[in-house]
Amino acid sequence: MVFRGDLNRVVEWLGAADAEGRVGAAGEALCAAALVKFCSCFEGTAGLRSKPLKQKNILGSEDRKLLERLRQIRNKMVAHDEHLYPGDYPLLILDSEATAIEAVAFRLHAPFSAMSEVDELRRLAEVALGWVVAEFERVATEIVSDFNANPVDDRCQLRDTTPEFKIEFGQPEDRF
């Protein structure tokens, strides 16, 4: 399934962010990437994902609300740079006689990696991944059963007439 690899990456990236410490640049980047990747699994795109997981109703009503919250965080804080605190604030340092001593900038930064929703993202990713893996196993078992329900002569004929193929790994195709 298309989303299995994506959800595995989300879980791996969140684990790596914990190992790095979520506060540093690497932890922040891993959490942000995990959020973007997770949300993309539930949205339609112009590419291969014509049926996002959203249509599968794998999340309960409370988790769907949380998914919507994660999307809002992704849209406002990660993908479109509408941070909770808009960056640098100019400050003027005055002495006791109200004489300006220095002009400085004060930076407020609230990264996604510092929010409690990171733990909820991990939980939802694990729920979604569990569903995807179970669904894959169900479909794979059904395919094997359906194939083996055919007479043995038909199965042998299919095996014997299927051309050999080779899987080669090279540079990915540039689709941009």
C-alpha atoms as a PDB file:
ATOM      1  CA  MET A   1       0.000   0.000   0.000  1.00  0.00           C
ATOM      2  CA  VAL A   2       1.120   3.504  -0.783  1.00  0.00           C
ATOM      3  CA  PHE A   3       0.883   4.827   2.766  1.00  0.00           C
ATOM      4  CA  ARG A   4       2.754   2.051   4.565  1.00  0.00           C
ATOM      5  CA  GLY A   5       6.183   3.505   3.767  1.00  0.00           C
ATOM      6  CA  ASP A   6       5.057   7.048   4.551  1.00  0.00           C
ATOM      7  CA  LEU A   7       3.637   6.097   7.941  1.00  0.00           C
ATOM      8  CA  ASN A   8       6.746   4.069   8.754  1.00  0.00           C
ATOM      9  CA  ARG A   9       8.824   7.178   8.022  1.00  0.00           C
ATOM     10  CA  VAL A  10       6.627   9.294  10.292  1.00  0.00           C
ATOM     11  CA  VAL A  11       7.147   6.876  13.194  1.00  0.00           C
ATOM     12  CA  GLU A  12      10.895   6.617  12.454  1.00  0.00           C
ATOM     13  CA  TRP A  13      11.350  10.385  12.195  1.00  0.00           C
ATOM     14  CA  LEU A  14       9.525  10.973  15.486  1.00  0.00           C
ATOM     15  CA  GLY A  15      11.716   8.353  17.153  1.00  0.00           C
ATOM     16  CA  ALA A  16      14.826   9.994  15.736  1.00  0.00           C
ATOM     17  CA  ALA A  17      13.585  13.403  16.937  1.00  0.00           C
ATOM     18  CA  ASP A  18      13.264  12.010  20.460  1.00  0.00           C
ATOM     19  CA  ALA A  19      16.777  10.576  20.224  1.00  0.00           C
ATOM     20  CA  GLU A  20      18.136  13.935  19.003  1.00  0.00           C
ATOM     21  CA  GLY A  21      16.177  15.958  21.500  1.00  0.00           C
ATOM     22  CA  ARG A  22      13.185  17.741  20.051  1.00  0.00           C
ATOM     23  CA  VAL A  23      14.443  21.208  20.940  1.00  0.00           C
ATOM     24  CA  GLY A  24      17.424  21.408  18.568  1.00  0.00           C
ATOM     25  CA  ALA A  25      17.358  22.084  14.853  1.00  0.00           C
ATOM     26  CA  ALA A  26      17.465  18.391  13.888  1.00  0.00           C
ATOM     27  CA  GLY A  27      14.633  17.476  16.261  1.00  0.00           C
ATOM     28  CA  GLU A  28      12.517  20.392  15.051  1.00  0.00           C
ATOM     29  CA  ALA A  29      13.096  19.433  11.414  1.00  0.00           C
ATOM     30  CA  LEU A  30      12.261  15.762  12.016  1.00  0.00           C
ATOM     31  CA  CYS A  31       9.018  16.627  13.823  1.00  0.00           C
ATOM     32  CA  ALA A  32       8.000  19.089  11.106  1.00  0.00           C
ATOM     33  CA  ALA A  33       8.757  16.555   8.353  1.00  0.00           C
ATOM     34  CA  ALA A  34       6.774  13.887  10.219  1.00  0.00           C
ATOM     35  CA  LEU A  35       3.799  16.222  10.536  1.00  0.00           C
ATOM     36  CA  VAL A  36       3.817  17.124   6.835  1.00  0.00           C
ATOM     37  CA  LYS A  37       4.224  13.485   5.749  1.00  0.00           C
ATOM     38  CA  PHE A  38       1.465  12.274   8.101  1.00  0.00           C
ATOM     39  CA  CYS A  39      -1.031  14.899   6.941  1.00  0.00           C
ATOM     40  CA  SER A  40      -0.320  14.089   3.297  1.00  0.00           C
ATOM     41  CA  CYS A  41      -1.545  10.526   3.893  1.00  0.00           C
ATOM     42  CA  PHE A  42      -5.007  11.901   4.654  1.00  0.00           C
ATOM     43  CA  GLU A  43      -5.284  14.337   1.746  1.00  0.00           C
ATOM     44  CA  GLY A  44      -5.857  13.860  -1.939  1.00  0.00           C
ATOM     45  CA  THR A  45      -3.072  14.929  -4.257  1.00  0.00           C
ATOM     46  CA  ALA A  46      -2.602  15.248  -7.966  1.00  0.00           C
ATOM     47  CA  GLY A  47      -0.118  12.372  -7.926  1.00  0.00           C
ATOM     48  CA  LEU A  48      -0.484   8.685  -7.092  1.00  0.00           C
ATOM     49  CA  ARG A  49      -2.646   9.092  -4.014  1.00  0.00           C
ATOM     50  CA  SER A  50      -6.109   9.296  -5.479  1.00  0.00           C
ATOM     51  CA  LYS A  51      -7.686   7.701  -2.396  1.00  0.00           C
ATOM     52  CA  PRO A  52      -6.314   9.214   0.814  1.00  0.00           C
ATOM     53  CA  LEU A  53      -6.681   7.431   4.135  1.00  0.00           C
ATOM     54  CA  LYS A  54      -9.273  10.028   5.170  1.00  0.00           C
ATOM     55  CA  GLN A  55     -11.861   8.163   3.103  1.00  0.00           C
ATOM     56  CA  LYS A  56     -11.170   4.918   4.969  1.00  0.00           C
ATOM     57  CA  ASN A  57     -12.646   6.125   8.280  1.00  0.00           C
ATOM     58  CA  ILE A  58      -9.875   4.531  10.304  1.00  0.00           C
ATOM     59  CA  LEU A  59      -9.977   7.230  12.979  1.00  0.00           C
ATOM     60  CA  GLY A  60     -12.709   7.721  15.550  1.00  0.00           C
ATOM     61  CA  SER A  61     -14.455  11.077  15.975  1.00  0.00           C
ATOM     62  CA  GLU A  62     -12.029  12.357  18.646  1.00  0.00           C
ATOM     63  CA  ASP A  63      -9.022  11.330  16.571  1.00  0.00           C
ATOM     64  CA  ARG A  64     -10.532  12.993  13.484  1.00  0.00           C
ATOM     65  CA  LYS A  65     -10.744  16.236  15.501  1.00  0.00           C
ATOM     66  CA  LEU A  66      -7.117  15.795  16.474  1.00  0.00           C
ATOM     67  CA  LEU A  67      -6.199  15.148  12.817  1.00  0.00           C
ATOM     68  CA  GLU A  68      -7.874  18.435  11.919  1.00  0.00           C
ATOM     69  CA  ARG A  69      -5.891  20.186  14.664  1.00  0.00           C
ATOM     70  CA  LEU A  70      -2.664  18.669  13.323  1.00  0.00           C
ATOM     71  CA  ARG A  71      -3.577  19.905   9.836  1.00  0.00           C
ATOM     72  CA  GLN A  72      -4.135  23.403  11.180  1.00  0.00           C
ATOM     73  CA  ILE A  73      -0.775  23.298  12.949  1.00  0.00           C
ATOM     74  CA  ARG A  74       0.872  22.034   9.760  1.00  0.00           C
ATOM     75  CA  ASN A  75      -0.761  24.773   7.689  1.00  0.00           C
ATOM     76  CA  LYS A  76      -0.126  27.653  10.062  1.00  0.00           C
ATOM     77  CA  MET A  77       3.156  26.783  11.769  1.00  0.00           C
ATOM     78  CA  VAL A  78       5.067  24.489   9.452  1.00  0.00           C
ATOM     79  CA  ALA A  79       3.975  24.751   5.829  1.00  0.00           C
ATOM     80  CA  HIS A  80       2.867  28.376   5.543  1.00  0.00           C
ATOM     81  CA  ASP A  81       4.920  30.128   8.215  1.00  0.00           C
ATOM     82  CA  GLU A  82       2.096  31.681  10.208  1.00  0.00           C
ATOM     83  CA  HIS A  83       3.741  31.067  13.573  1.00  0.00           C
ATOM     84  CA  LEU A  84       2.012  31.608  16.894  1.00  0.00           C
ATOM     85  CA  TYR A  85       4.606  34.278  17.615  1.00  0.00           C
ATOM     86  CA  PRO A  86       5.658  36.153  14.500  1.00  0.00           C
ATOM     87  CA  GLY A  87       9.410  36.138  15.087  1.00  0.00           C
ATOM     88  CA  ASP A  88      11.522  39.070  16.187  1.00  0.00           C
ATOM     89  CA  TYR A  89      10.302  41.984  18.276  1.00  0.00           C
ATOM     90  CA  PRO A  90      12.308  45.206  18.469  1.00  0.00           C
ATOM     91  CA  LEU A  91      13.114  46.373  21.976  1.00  0.00           C
ATOM     92  CA  LEU A  92      14.697  49.540  23.202  1.00  0.00           C
ATOM     93  CA  ILE A  93      16.680  49.271  26.422  1.00  0.00           C
ATOM     94  CA  LEU A  94      16.421  52.394  28.544  1.00  0.00           C
ATOM     95  CA  ASP A  95      18.356  53.459  31.605  1.00  0.00           C
ATOM     96  CA  SER A  96      16.751  54.859  34.750  1.00  0.00           C
ATOM     97  CA  GLU A  97      16.617  58.334  33.164  1.00  0.00           C
ATOM     98  CA  ALA A  98      14.795  57.029  30.069  1.00  0.00           C
ATOM     99  CA  THR A  99      17.869  57.376  27.879  1.00  0.00           C
ATOM    100  CA  ALA A 100      18.139  54.753  25.167  1.00  0.00           C
ATOM    101  CA  ILE A 101      21.115  52.487  25.763  1.00  0.00           C
ATOM    102  CA  GLU A 102      20.666  49.933  23.045  1.00  0.00           C
ATOM    103  CA  ALA A 103      18.187  48.672  20.448  1.00  0.00           C
ATOM    104  CA  VAL A 104      17.877  44.864  20.365  1.00  0.00           C
ATOM    105  CA  ALA A 105      15.656  42.208  18.897  1.00  0.00           C
ATOM    106  CA  PHE A 106      13.800  39.688  21.029  1.00  0.00           C
ATOM    107  CA  ARG A 107      12.896  36.444  19.304  1.00  0.00           C
ATOM    108  CA  LEU A 108       9.957  34.278  20.264  1.00  0.00           C
ATOM    109  CA  HIS A 109       9.857  30.886  18.627  1.00  0.00           C
ATOM    110  CA  ALA A 110       7.342  28.130  19.327  1.00  0.00           C
ATOM    111  CA  PRO A 111       8.277  25.121  17.182  1.00  0.00           C
ATOM    112  CA  PHE A 112       5.894  22.233  16.606  1.00  0.00           C
ATOM    113  CA  SER A 113       8.455  19.940  18.228  1.00  0.00           C
ATOM    114  CA  ALA A 114       7.815  21.645  21.590  1.00  0.00           C
ATOM    115  CA  MET A 115       4.049  21.100  21.458  1.00  0.00           C
ATOM    116  CA  SER A 116       2.196  18.255  23.157  1.00  0.00           C
ATOM    117  CA  GLU A 117       0.599  17.404  19.803  1.00  0.00           C
ATOM    118  CA  VAL A 118       3.835  15.669  18.770  1.00  0.00           C
ATOM    119  CA  ASP A 119       2.912  12.784  21.078  1.00  0.00           C
ATOM    120  CA  GLU A 120      -0.588  12.697  19.599  1.00  0.00           C
ATOM    121  CA  LEU A 121       0.920  12.683  16.111  1.00  0.00           C
ATOM    122  CA  ARG A 122       2.962   9.622  17.060  1.00  0.00           C
ATOM    123  CA  ARG A 123      -0.124   7.869  18.446  1.00  0.00           C
ATOM    124  CA  LEU A 124      -2.236   8.628  15.375  1.00  0.00           C
ATOM    125  CA  ALA A 125       0.592   7.544  13.070  1.00  0.00           C
ATOM    126  CA  GLU A 126       0.828   4.233  14.916  1.00  0.00           C
ATOM    127  CA  VAL A 127      -2.975   3.766  14.716  1.00  0.00           C
ATOM    128  CA  ALA A 128      -2.982   4.521  10.996  1.00  0.00           C
ATOM    129  CA  LEU A 129       0.060   2.318  10.355  1.00  0.00           C
ATOM    130  CA  GLY A 130      -1.564  -0.552  12.255  1.00  0.00           C
ATOM    131  CA  TRP A 131      -4.670  -0.231  10.102  1.00  0.00           C
ATOM    132  CA  VAL A 132      -2.639  -0.065   6.873  1.00  0.00           C
ATOM    133  CA  VAL A 133      -0.574  -3.139   7.816  1.00  0.00           C
ATOM    134  CA  ALA A 134      -3.694  -5.112   8.812  1.00  0.00           C
ATOM    135  CA  GLU A 135      -5.478  -4.119   5.613  1.00  0.00           C
ATOM    136  CA  PHE A 136      -2.445  -5.079   3.541  1.00  0.00           C
ATOM    137  CA  GLU A 137      -2.336  -8.499   5.216  1.00  0.00           C
ATOM    138  CA  ARG A 138      -6.073  -8.986   4.678  1.00  0.00           C
ATOM    139  CA  VAL A 139      -5.863  -8.141   0.983  1.00  0.00           C
ATOM    140  CA  ALA A 140      -2.685 -10.193   0.489  1.00  0.00           C
ATOM    141  CA  THR A 141      -4.325 -13.234   2.112  1.00  0.00           C
ATOM    142  CA  GLU A 142      -7.395 -12.782  -0.084  1.00  0.00           C
ATOM    143  CA  ILE A 143      -5.256 -12.574  -3.240  1.00  0.00           C
ATOM    144  CA  VAL A 144      -3.383 -15.757  -2.327  1.00  0.00           C
ATOM    145  CA  SER A 145      -6.640 -17.589  -1.513  1.00  0.00           C
ATOM    146  CA  ASP A 146      -8.305 -16.446  -4.738  1.00  0.00           C
ATOM    147  CA  PHE A 147      -5.304 -17.501  -6.789  1.00  0.00           C
ATOM    148  CA  ASN A 148      -5.048 -20.905  -5.099  1.00  0.00           C
ATOM    149  CA  ALA A 149      -8.778 -21.498  -5.683  1.00  0.00           C
ATOM    150  CA  ASN A 150      -8.000 -21.859  -9.401  1.00  0.00           C
ATOM    151  CA  PRO A 151      -7.344 -25.373 -10.725  1.00  0.00           C
ATOM    152  CA  VAL A 152      -3.698 -26.400 -10.465  1.00  0.00           C
ATOM    153  CA  ASP A 153      -3.387 -26.676 -14.269  1.00  0.00           C
ATOM    154  CA  ASP A 154      -4.488 -23.052 -14.675  1.00  0.00           C
ATOM    155  CA  ARG A 155      -2.034 -21.907 -12.009  1.00  0.00           C
ATOM    156  CA  CYS A 156       0.825 -23.823 -13.665  1.00  0.00           C
ATOM    157  CA  GLN A 157      -0.060 -22.438 -17.064  1.00  0.00           C
ATOM    158  CA  LEU A 158      -0.049 -18.905 -15.687  1.00  0.00           C
ATOM    159  CA  ARG A 159       3.291 -19.510 -13.984  1.00  0.00           C
ATOM    160  CA  ASP A 160       4.817 -21.031 -17.113  1.00  0.00           C
ATOM    161  CA  THR A 161       3.566 -18.319 -19.492  1.00  0.00           C
ATOM    162  CA  THR A 162       4.410 -15.299 -17.367  1.00  0.00           C
ATOM    163  CA  PRO A 163       7.527 -13.654 -18.755  1.00  0.00           C
ATOM    164  CA  GLU A 164      10.452 -13.181 -16.425  1.00  0.00           C
ATOM    165  CA  PHE A 165      11.130  -9.675 -15.304  1.00  0.00           C
ATOM    166  CA  LYS A 166      13.963  -7.929 -13.596  1.00  0.00           C
ATOM    167  CA  ILE A 167      13.759  -5.159 -11.067  1.00  0.00           C
ATOM    168  CA  GLU A 168      16.537  -2.649 -11.483  1.00  0.00           C
ATOM    169  CA  PHE A 169      17.157   0.192  -9.099  1.00  0.00           C
ATOM    170  CA  GLY A 170      18.652   3.313 -10.557  1.00  0.00           C
ATOM    171  CA  GLN A 171      18.146   7.028 -10.423  1.00  0.00           C
ATOM    172  CA  PRO A 172      14.533   7.930  -9.755  1.00  0.00           C
ATOM    173  CA  GLU A 173      12.599   9.414 -12.626  1.00  0.00           C
ATOM    174  CA  ASP A 174      12.491  13.206 -12.551  1.00  0.00           C
ATOM    175  CA  ARG A 175       8.787  14.086 -12.459  1.00  0.00           C
ATOM    176  CA  PHE A 176       9.201  17.797 -11.990  1.00  0.00           C
END
